[in-house]
Amino acid sequence: MQLSLQYKIKSNPNYLRFLRENSNWYKYLNRNVSYFGEFEREMKVRYKLTPKDKLDKFSENMDKVSQIIDIFS
């Protein structure tokens, strides 16, 4: 694995955790650095870090806040 890729993975705790949980990615990333994009996408899907997931979470939080406001009104 290239040194720059190792630094990138070690600097992000989510990358490191995902790599430890899914050790098969070591093989792909050692063979070809271009798999990093796919690795990153899969990590974001697994940990719900995609923009859609963030928007859904924000929407749920807004619904909770509006319910609390309705209760106190």
Protein backbone atom coordinates (compact mmCIF):
# COMPACT_ATOMS: atom_id res chain seq x y z
CA MET A 1 0.00 0.00 0.00
CA GLN A 2 1.34 3.43 -0.87
CA LEU A 3 2.55 5.57 1.98
CA SER A 4 0.25 8.48 1.07
CA LEU A 5 -2.77 6.16 1.19
CA GLN A 6 -1.67 4.84 4.58
CA TYR A 7 -1.51 8.38 5.94
CA LYS A 8 -4.94 9.15 4.52
CA ILE A 9 -6.46 6.07 6.16
CA LYS A 10 -4.75 6.65 9.51
CA SER A 11 -5.81 10.30 9.61
CA ASN A 12 -9.51 9.41 9.38
CA PRO A 13 -10.88 7.23 12.22
CA ASN A 14 -13.81 6.07 10.09
CA TYR A 15 -11.50 4.77 7.37
CA LEU A 16 -9.36 2.97 9.91
CA ARG A 17 -12.33 1.41 11.71
CA PHE A 18 -13.94 0.29 8.46
CA LEU A 19 -10.66 -1.21 7.25
CA ARG A 20 -10.25 -3.15 10.49
CA GLU A 21 -13.82 -4.43 10.34
CA ASN A 22 -13.51 -5.38 6.66
CA SER A 23 -10.00 -6.72 6.30
CA ASN A 24 -10.61 -7.86 2.72
CA TRP A 25 -10.04 -4.25 1.68
CA TYR A 26 -6.35 -4.55 2.60
CA LYS A 27 -5.91 -6.87 -0.38
CA TYR A 28 -7.63 -4.52 -2.83
CA LEU A 29 -5.89 -1.38 -1.60
CA ASN A 30 -2.49 -3.10 -1.65
CA ARG A 31 -2.97 -4.18 -5.25
CA ASN A 32 -4.35 -0.96 -6.67
CA VAL A 33 -4.79 2.48 -5.13
CA SER A 34 -7.66 3.29 -7.49
CA TYR A 35 -9.94 1.11 -5.34
CA PHE A 36 -9.83 3.81 -2.67
CA GLY A 37 -12.85 5.60 -4.15
CA GLU A 38 -14.93 2.44 -3.92
CA PHE A 39 -13.59 1.82 -0.42
CA GLU A 40 -14.63 5.33 0.61
CA ARG A 41 -18.12 4.98 -0.91
CA GLU A 42 -18.71 1.67 0.84
CA MET A 43 -17.53 3.13 4.15
CA LYS A 44 -19.90 6.09 3.82
CA VAL A 45 -22.82 3.81 3.03
CA ARG A 46 -22.02 1.51 5.98
CA TYR A 47 -21.69 4.36 8.49
CA LYS A 48 -24.51 6.43 6.95
CA LEU A 49 -22.34 9.40 6.02
CA THR A 50 -23.78 10.00 2.56
CA PRO A 51 -25.52 13.33 1.89
CA LYS A 52 -28.89 11.56 1.69
CA ASP A 53 -28.36 9.99 5.10
CA LYS A 54 -27.36 13.31 6.60
CA LEU A 55 -30.44 14.99 5.15
CA ASP A 56 -32.69 12.22 6.48
CA LYS A 57 -31.15 12.57 9.94
CA PHE A 58 -31.62 16.35 9.85
CA SER A 59 -35.25 15.89 8.80
CA GLU A 60 -35.86 13.44 11.65
CA ASN A 61 -34.34 15.87 14.13
CA MET A 62 -36.54 18.69 12.85
CA ASP A 63 -39.60 16.46 13.23
CA LYS A 64 -38.62 15.72 16.84
CA VAL A 65 -38.16 19.41 17.59
CA SER A 66 -41.53 20.29 16.07
CA GLN A 67 -43.21 17.55 18.13
CA ILE A 68 -41.64 18.89 21.32
CA ILE A 69 -42.77 22.41 20.44
CA ASP A 70 -46.30 21.12 19.78
CA ILE A 71 -46.36 19.40 23.18
CA PHE A 72 -45.44 22.61 25.00
CA SER A 73 -47.81 24.79 22.97
